[in-house]
Amino acid sequence: MKNFGPYALAADALTAACPLILSKPNATVVHLQETQPEVALRSATEYCAWLYATPDGRYEMSMLSDSSRPGDSVRGMRSCALPAFVDDPRYAPGSLKQVFALHNHPFGTRLSAGDLRFIEAMASVHDWEVLTREGTIRLSLIAFFSRSRDASAPTCDGFYQYVPVTREMMLWTRTEDRWKQESHGIVTWLDERTYRLDAR
């Protein structure tokens, strides 16, 4: 991955997390969007987890959550409520560094205003940049997606990334074993629920 250049462990951790999350039931509903949009909306499920750095230089993924945020069903939306901190009894309190807030986007759409507000709120309680053995990794929100129309074999086709410290949104797409990154722009908030992407 281009932006992760020397950060092989972080890139490997993301590459491993993507198919794991997308393999969960209804983590992708692309196959239903055109023929059964109502079913797609009802069945779509978001799963979320933290990818965190441990004191011994490894990356671990927390347990997956599929708990919806309050009010989702009323608004016809899908989201996943992720706790602010990881509780891993193997490590001393305060020694873990949350790096990537991971989730899937069942419809393959880009990051929502709610997604961005969540990671910006997390940036108020976590380090915006984490120093690891590989170097400095920036706190980010990641949304994996699949374009596969085969519900039994979802593919990890890419992910959206938002970095609060730079306000940059990026799209990563995958072809075979190669990842390509393109900038979607810098986020400018128009109001509490609406943002604009400005060219970098």
C-alpha atoms as a PDB file:
ATOM      1  CA  MET A   1       0.000   0.000   0.000  1.00  0.00           C
ATOM      2  CA  LYS A   2       1.369   3.347  -1.063  1.00  0.00           C
ATOM      3  CA  ASN A   3       0.632   5.428   2.057  1.00  0.00           C
ATOM      4  CA  PHE A   4       1.626   2.600   4.323  1.00  0.00           C
ATOM      5  CA  GLY A   5       4.926   2.241   2.434  1.00  0.00           C
ATOM      6  CA  PRO A   6       7.328   1.023   5.131  1.00  0.00           C
ATOM      7  CA  TYR A   7       4.486   0.048   7.439  1.00  0.00           C
ATOM      8  CA  ALA A   8       4.209  -3.536   6.284  1.00  0.00           C
ATOM      9  CA  LEU A   9       2.602  -4.825   9.476  1.00  0.00           C
ATOM     10  CA  ALA A  10      -0.180  -2.234   9.375  1.00  0.00           C
ATOM     11  CA  ALA A  11      -0.830  -2.977   5.696  1.00  0.00           C
ATOM     12  CA  ASP A  12      -0.874  -6.708   6.359  1.00  0.00           C
ATOM     13  CA  ALA A  13      -3.296  -6.226   9.261  1.00  0.00           C
ATOM     14  CA  LEU A  14      -5.720  -4.257   7.085  1.00  0.00           C
ATOM     15  CA  THR A  15      -5.428  -6.774   4.261  1.00  0.00           C
ATOM     16  CA  ALA A  16      -6.284  -9.577   6.713  1.00  0.00           C
ATOM     17  CA  ALA A  17      -9.145  -7.701   8.381  1.00  0.00           C
ATOM     18  CA  CYS A  18     -10.972  -6.843   5.155  1.00  0.00           C
ATOM     19  CA  PRO A  19     -12.089 -10.337   4.039  1.00  0.00           C
ATOM     20  CA  LEU A  20     -12.773 -11.345   7.641  1.00  0.00           C
ATOM     21  CA  ILE A  21     -15.263  -8.512   8.157  1.00  0.00           C
ATOM     22  CA  LEU A  22     -16.828  -8.806   4.701  1.00  0.00           C
ATOM     23  CA  SER A  23     -17.424 -12.537   5.202  1.00  0.00           C
ATOM     24  CA  LYS A  24     -19.959 -11.868   7.979  1.00  0.00           C
ATOM     25  CA  PRO A  25     -23.683 -12.300   7.214  1.00  0.00           C
ATOM     26  CA  ASN A  26     -25.092  -9.428   5.129  1.00  0.00           C
ATOM     27  CA  ALA A  27     -21.856  -7.435   5.381  1.00  0.00           C
ATOM     28  CA  THR A  28     -22.332  -6.732   1.676  1.00  0.00           C
ATOM     29  CA  VAL A  29     -25.671  -6.503  -0.131  1.00  0.00           C
ATOM     30  CA  VAL A  30     -24.500  -5.336  -3.557  1.00  0.00           C
ATOM     31  CA  HIS A  31     -26.137  -8.409  -5.094  1.00  0.00           C
ATOM     32  CA  LEU A  32     -29.563  -7.234  -3.841  1.00  0.00           C
ATOM     33  CA  GLN A  33     -29.401  -3.511  -4.604  1.00  0.00           C
ATOM     34  CA  GLU A  34     -30.827  -3.571  -8.123  1.00  0.00           C
ATOM     35  CA  THR A  35     -33.341  -6.418  -7.865  1.00  0.00           C
ATOM     36  CA  GLN A  36     -34.501  -6.206  -4.234  1.00  0.00           C
ATOM     37  CA  PRO A  37     -33.581  -2.800  -2.780  1.00  0.00           C
ATOM     38  CA  GLU A  38     -36.026  -3.078   0.138  1.00  0.00           C
ATOM     39  CA  VAL A  39     -34.580  -6.437   1.142  1.00  0.00           C
ATOM     40  CA  ALA A  40     -31.077  -5.036   0.796  1.00  0.00           C
ATOM     41  CA  LEU A  41     -31.885  -2.175   3.145  1.00  0.00           C
ATOM     42  CA  ARG A  42     -33.532  -4.429   5.733  1.00  0.00           C
ATOM     43  CA  SER A  43     -30.817  -7.070   5.726  1.00  0.00           C
ATOM     44  CA  ALA A  44     -27.679  -4.905   5.449  1.00  0.00           C
ATOM     45  CA  THR A  45     -25.516  -5.175   8.546  1.00  0.00           C
ATOM     46  CA  GLU A  46     -22.481  -3.158   9.576  1.00  0.00           C
ATOM     47  CA  TYR A  47     -19.756  -4.749  11.660  1.00  0.00           C
ATOM     48  CA  CYS A  48     -17.040  -2.748  13.359  1.00  0.00           C
ATOM     49  CA  ALA A  49     -13.844  -3.287  15.301  1.00  0.00           C
ATOM     50  CA  TRP A  50     -10.681  -1.504  16.379  1.00  0.00           C
ATOM     51  CA  LEU A  51      -7.308  -2.346  14.935  1.00  0.00           C
ATOM     52  CA  TYR A  52      -4.851  -1.485  17.676  1.00  0.00           C
ATOM     53  CA  ALA A  53      -1.115  -1.502  18.270  1.00  0.00           C
ATOM     54  CA  THR A  54       0.237  -3.502  21.182  1.00  0.00           C
ATOM     55  CA  PRO A  55       3.299  -2.681  23.309  1.00  0.00           C
ATOM     56  CA  ASP A  56       5.236  -5.510  21.638  1.00  0.00           C
ATOM     57  CA  GLY A  57       4.827  -3.975  18.178  1.00  0.00           C
ATOM     58  CA  ARG A  58       2.002  -6.122  16.817  1.00  0.00           C
ATOM     59  CA  TYR A  59      -1.423  -5.209  15.498  1.00  0.00           C
ATOM     60  CA  GLU A  60      -4.521  -6.888  16.886  1.00  0.00           C
ATOM     61  CA  MET A  61      -8.180  -6.608  15.950  1.00  0.00           C
ATOM     62  CA  SER A  62     -10.773  -6.314  18.690  1.00  0.00           C
ATOM     63  CA  MET A  63     -13.900  -8.438  18.762  1.00  0.00           C
ATOM     64  CA  LEU A  64     -16.442  -7.473  16.131  1.00  0.00           C
ATOM     65  CA  SER A  65     -19.568  -5.573  17.090  1.00  0.00           C
ATOM     66  CA  ASP A  66     -22.773  -5.398  15.080  1.00  0.00           C
ATOM     67  CA  SER A  67     -24.725  -3.205  17.493  1.00  0.00           C
ATOM     68  CA  SER A  68     -26.543  -0.423  15.663  1.00  0.00           C
ATOM     69  CA  ARG A  69     -26.372   3.188  16.727  1.00  0.00           C
ATOM     70  CA  PRO A  70     -29.557   4.566  18.339  1.00  0.00           C
ATOM     71  CA  GLY A  71     -32.126   5.769  15.816  1.00  0.00           C
ATOM     72  CA  ASP A  72     -30.743   3.913  12.816  1.00  0.00           C
ATOM     73  CA  SER A  73     -33.947   2.015  12.088  1.00  0.00           C
ATOM     74  CA  VAL A  74     -35.988   5.227  12.213  1.00  0.00           C
ATOM     75  CA  ARG A  75     -33.653   6.989   9.753  1.00  0.00           C
ATOM     76  CA  GLY A  76     -33.382   3.943   7.467  1.00  0.00           C
ATOM     77  CA  MET A  77     -29.631   3.863   7.969  1.00  0.00           C
ATOM     78  CA  ARG A  78     -27.071   1.237   8.913  1.00  0.00           C
ATOM     79  CA  SER A  79     -24.165   1.875  11.241  1.00  0.00           C
ATOM     80  CA  CYS A  80     -22.212   0.125  13.942  1.00  0.00           C
ATOM     81  CA  ALA A  81     -21.656   1.336  17.511  1.00  0.00           C
ATOM     82  CA  LEU A  82     -17.965   0.925  18.365  1.00  0.00           C
ATOM     83  CA  PRO A  83     -16.794   1.353  21.983  1.00  0.00           C
ATOM     84  CA  ALA A  84     -14.213   4.100  22.460  1.00  0.00           C
ATOM     85  CA  PHE A  85     -11.607   1.817  24.018  1.00  0.00           C
ATOM     86  CA  VAL A  86     -10.383  -1.750  23.595  1.00  0.00           C
ATOM     87  CA  ASP A  87     -10.402  -3.948  26.694  1.00  0.00           C
ATOM     88  CA  ASP A  88      -7.665  -6.550  26.266  1.00  0.00           C
ATOM     89  CA  PRO A  89      -6.714  -8.132  29.635  1.00  0.00           C
ATOM     90  CA  ARG A  90      -3.438  -9.417  28.190  1.00  0.00           C
ATOM     91  CA  TYR A  91      -2.001  -5.894  28.312  1.00  0.00           C
ATOM     92  CA  ALA A  92      -1.655  -3.239  30.972  1.00  0.00           C
ATOM     93  CA  PRO A  93      -4.328  -0.512  31.034  1.00  0.00           C
ATOM     94  CA  GLY A  94      -3.366   2.414  28.827  1.00  0.00           C
ATOM     95  CA  SER A  95      -0.718   0.479  26.899  1.00  0.00           C
ATOM     96  CA  LEU A  96      -2.835  -0.153  23.789  1.00  0.00           C
ATOM     97  CA  LYS A  97      -3.015   2.366  20.966  1.00  0.00           C
ATOM     98  CA  GLN A  98      -6.173   2.440  18.864  1.00  0.00           C
ATOM     99  CA  VAL A  99      -5.116   3.074  15.259  1.00  0.00           C
ATOM    100  CA  PHE A 100      -7.890   2.183  12.789  1.00  0.00           C
ATOM    101  CA  ALA A 101     -11.646   2.140  13.387  1.00  0.00           C
ATOM    102  CA  LEU A 102     -12.750  -0.580  10.970  1.00  0.00           C
ATOM    103  CA  HIS A 103     -16.176  -1.282   9.540  1.00  0.00           C
ATOM    104  CA  ASN A 104     -17.857  -2.464   6.359  1.00  0.00           C
ATOM    105  CA  HIS A 105     -20.152  -0.554   4.019  1.00  0.00           C
ATOM    106  CA  PRO A 106     -22.787  -3.032   2.791  1.00  0.00           C
ATOM    107  CA  PHE A 107     -23.727  -0.867  -0.210  1.00  0.00           C
ATOM    108  CA  GLY A 108     -20.161   0.097  -1.128  1.00  0.00           C
ATOM    109  CA  THR A 109     -20.842   3.797  -0.632  1.00  0.00           C
ATOM    110  CA  ARG A 110     -18.341   6.369   0.570  1.00  0.00           C
ATOM    111  CA  LEU A 111     -18.034   7.509   4.173  1.00  0.00           C
ATOM    112  CA  SER A 112     -21.045   9.203   5.714  1.00  0.00           C
ATOM    113  CA  ALA A 113     -21.081  12.363   7.812  1.00  0.00           C
ATOM    114  CA  GLY A 114     -21.835  10.154  10.820  1.00  0.00           C
ATOM    115  CA  ASP A 115     -18.737   8.072  10.115  1.00  0.00           C
ATOM    116  CA  LEU A 116     -16.557  11.163   9.979  1.00  0.00           C
ATOM    117  CA  ARG A 117     -18.046  12.668  13.127  1.00  0.00           C
ATOM    118  CA  PHE A 118     -17.405   9.407  14.962  1.00  0.00           C
ATOM    119  CA  ILE A 119     -13.679   9.252  14.207  1.00  0.00           C
ATOM    120  CA  GLU A 120     -13.297  12.966  14.879  1.00  0.00           C
ATOM    121  CA  ALA A 121     -14.847  12.366  18.303  1.00  0.00           C
ATOM    122  CA  MET A 122     -12.435   9.476  18.822  1.00  0.00           C
ATOM    123  CA  ALA A 123      -9.583  11.825  17.934  1.00  0.00           C
ATOM    124  CA  SER A 124     -10.460  13.783  21.069  1.00  0.00           C
ATOM    125  CA  VAL A 125      -9.736  10.777  23.298  1.00  0.00           C
ATOM    126  CA  HIS A 126      -7.019   8.978  21.302  1.00  0.00           C
ATOM    127  CA  ASP A 127      -3.696  10.079  19.865  1.00  0.00           C
ATOM    128  CA  TRP A 128      -4.072  11.502  16.352  1.00  0.00           C
ATOM    129  CA  GLU A 129      -0.728   9.939  15.489  1.00  0.00           C
ATOM    130  CA  VAL A 130       0.595   6.738  17.059  1.00  0.00           C
ATOM    131  CA  LEU A 131       4.293   5.984  17.192  1.00  0.00           C
ATOM    132  CA  THR A 132       4.833   2.300  16.441  1.00  0.00           C
ATOM    133  CA  ARG A 133       7.975   0.277  15.798  1.00  0.00           C
ATOM    134  CA  GLU A 134       7.360   0.837  12.092  1.00  0.00           C
ATOM    135  CA  GLY A 135       6.971   4.586  12.443  1.00  0.00           C
ATOM    136  CA  THR A 136       4.095   7.005  12.918  1.00  0.00           C
ATOM    137  CA  ILE A 137       0.604   5.772  11.985  1.00  0.00           C
ATOM    138  CA  ARG A 138      -2.295   8.217  11.827  1.00  0.00           C
ATOM    139  CA  LEU A 139      -5.622   7.511  13.476  1.00  0.00           C
ATOM    140  CA  SER A 140      -8.073   6.696  10.669  1.00  0.00           C
ATOM    141  CA  LEU A 141     -11.532   5.486   9.877  1.00  0.00           C
ATOM    142  CA  ILE A 142     -11.676   2.579   7.423  1.00  0.00           C
ATOM    143  CA  ALA A 143     -14.756   1.336   5.531  1.00  0.00           C
ATOM    144  CA  PHE A 144     -14.305  -1.902   3.572  1.00  0.00           C
ATOM    145  CA  PHE A 145     -16.509  -2.744   0.605  1.00  0.00           C
ATOM    146  CA  SER A 146     -17.108  -5.529  -1.901  1.00  0.00           C
ATOM    147  CA  ARG A 147     -18.376  -5.242  -5.470  1.00  0.00           C
ATOM    148  CA  SER A 148     -19.073  -8.951  -5.782  1.00  0.00           C
ATOM    149  CA  ARG A 149     -22.583  -9.990  -6.770  1.00  0.00           C
ATOM    150  CA  ASP A 150     -22.009 -13.444  -5.341  1.00  0.00           C
ATOM    151  CA  ALA A 151     -23.331 -13.331  -1.771  1.00  0.00           C
ATOM    152  CA  SER A 152     -21.489 -16.525  -0.883  1.00  0.00           C
ATOM    153  CA  ALA A 153     -18.109 -15.202  -2.044  1.00  0.00           C
ATOM    154  CA  PRO A 154     -17.651 -11.519  -1.214  1.00  0.00           C
ATOM    155  CA  THR A 155     -14.405 -10.030  -2.461  1.00  0.00           C
ATOM    156  CA  CYS A 156     -12.334  -7.397  -0.697  1.00  0.00           C
ATOM    157  CA  ASP A 157     -12.313  -4.783  -3.451  1.00  0.00           C
ATOM    158  CA  GLY A 158     -11.239  -1.766  -1.453  1.00  0.00           C
ATOM    159  CA  PHE A 159     -11.872   0.654   1.346  1.00  0.00           C
ATOM    160  CA  TYR A 160     -12.422   4.295   2.106  1.00  0.00           C
ATOM    161  CA  GLN A 161     -10.092   5.972   4.596  1.00  0.00           C
ATOM    162  CA  TYR A 162     -10.535   9.223   6.481  1.00  0.00           C
ATOM    163  CA  VAL A 163      -7.679  10.762   8.486  1.00  0.00           C
ATOM    164  CA  PRO A 164      -8.862  13.362  11.039  1.00  0.00           C
ATOM    165  CA  VAL A 165      -5.462  15.034  11.482  1.00  0.00           C
ATOM    166  CA  THR A 166      -5.330  15.996   7.773  1.00  0.00           C
ATOM    167  CA  ARG A 167      -9.104  15.829   7.041  1.00  0.00           C
ATOM    168  CA  GLU A 168      -8.234  13.846   3.905  1.00  0.00           C
ATOM    169  CA  MET A 169     -10.483  11.157   2.454  1.00  0.00           C
ATOM    170  CA  MET A 170      -8.943   8.464   0.298  1.00  0.00           C
ATOM    171  CA  LEU A 171     -10.153   5.521  -1.734  1.00  0.00           C
ATOM    172  CA  TRP A 172      -8.065   2.360  -1.909  1.00  0.00           C
ATOM    173  CA  THR A 173      -8.952  -0.209  -4.573  1.00  0.00           C
ATOM    174  CA  ARG A 174      -7.519  -3.640  -5.112  1.00  0.00           C
ATOM    175  CA  THR A 175      -6.627  -5.487  -8.297  1.00  0.00           C
ATOM    176  CA  GLU A 176      -5.222  -8.937  -7.595  1.00  0.00           C
ATOM    177  CA  ASP A 177      -2.450  -8.282  -5.043  1.00  0.00           C
ATOM    178  CA  ARG A 178      -1.901  -4.597  -5.807  1.00  0.00           C
ATOM    179  CA  TRP A 179      -3.502  -1.680  -3.968  1.00  0.00           C
ATOM    180  CA  LYS A 180      -4.068   1.685  -5.627  1.00  0.00           C
ATOM    181  CA  GLN A 181      -4.732   4.860  -3.665  1.00  0.00           C
ATOM    182  CA  GLU A 182      -6.500   7.978  -4.887  1.00  0.00           C
ATOM    183  CA  SER A 183      -7.402  11.101  -2.965  1.00  0.00           C
ATOM    184  CA  HIS A 184     -11.064  12.057  -2.790  1.00  0.00           C
ATOM    185  CA  GLY A 185     -10.197  15.441  -1.324  1.00  0.00           C
ATOM    186  CA  ILE A 186     -10.168  17.374   1.925  1.00  0.00           C
ATOM    187  CA  VAL A 187     -13.287  17.415   4.073  1.00  0.00           C
ATOM    188  CA  THR A 188     -14.898  20.796   4.738  1.00  0.00           C
ATOM    189  CA  TRP A 189     -17.932  20.805   7.021  1.00  0.00           C
ATOM    190  CA  LEU A 190     -20.919  22.822   5.759  1.00  0.00           C
ATOM    191  CA  ASP A 191     -23.006  22.078   8.848  1.00  0.00           C
ATOM    192  CA  GLU A 192     -23.224  19.348  11.488  1.00  0.00           C
ATOM    193  CA  ARG A 193     -24.487  16.740   9.017  1.00  0.00           C
ATOM    194  CA  THR A 194     -23.121  17.826   5.648  1.00  0.00           C
ATOM    195  CA  TYR A 195     -19.599  17.923   4.287  1.00  0.00           C
ATOM    196  CA  ARG A 196     -17.942  18.887   1.036  1.00  0.00           C
ATOM    197  CA  LEU A 197     -14.847  17.348  -0.528  1.00  0.00           C
ATOM    198  CA  ASP A 198     -12.406  19.946  -1.835  1.00  0.00           C
ATOM    199  CA  ALA A 199      -9.604  19.051  -4.229  1.00  0.00           C
ATOM    200  CA  ARG A 200      -6.300  18.608  -2.506  1.00  0.00           C
END
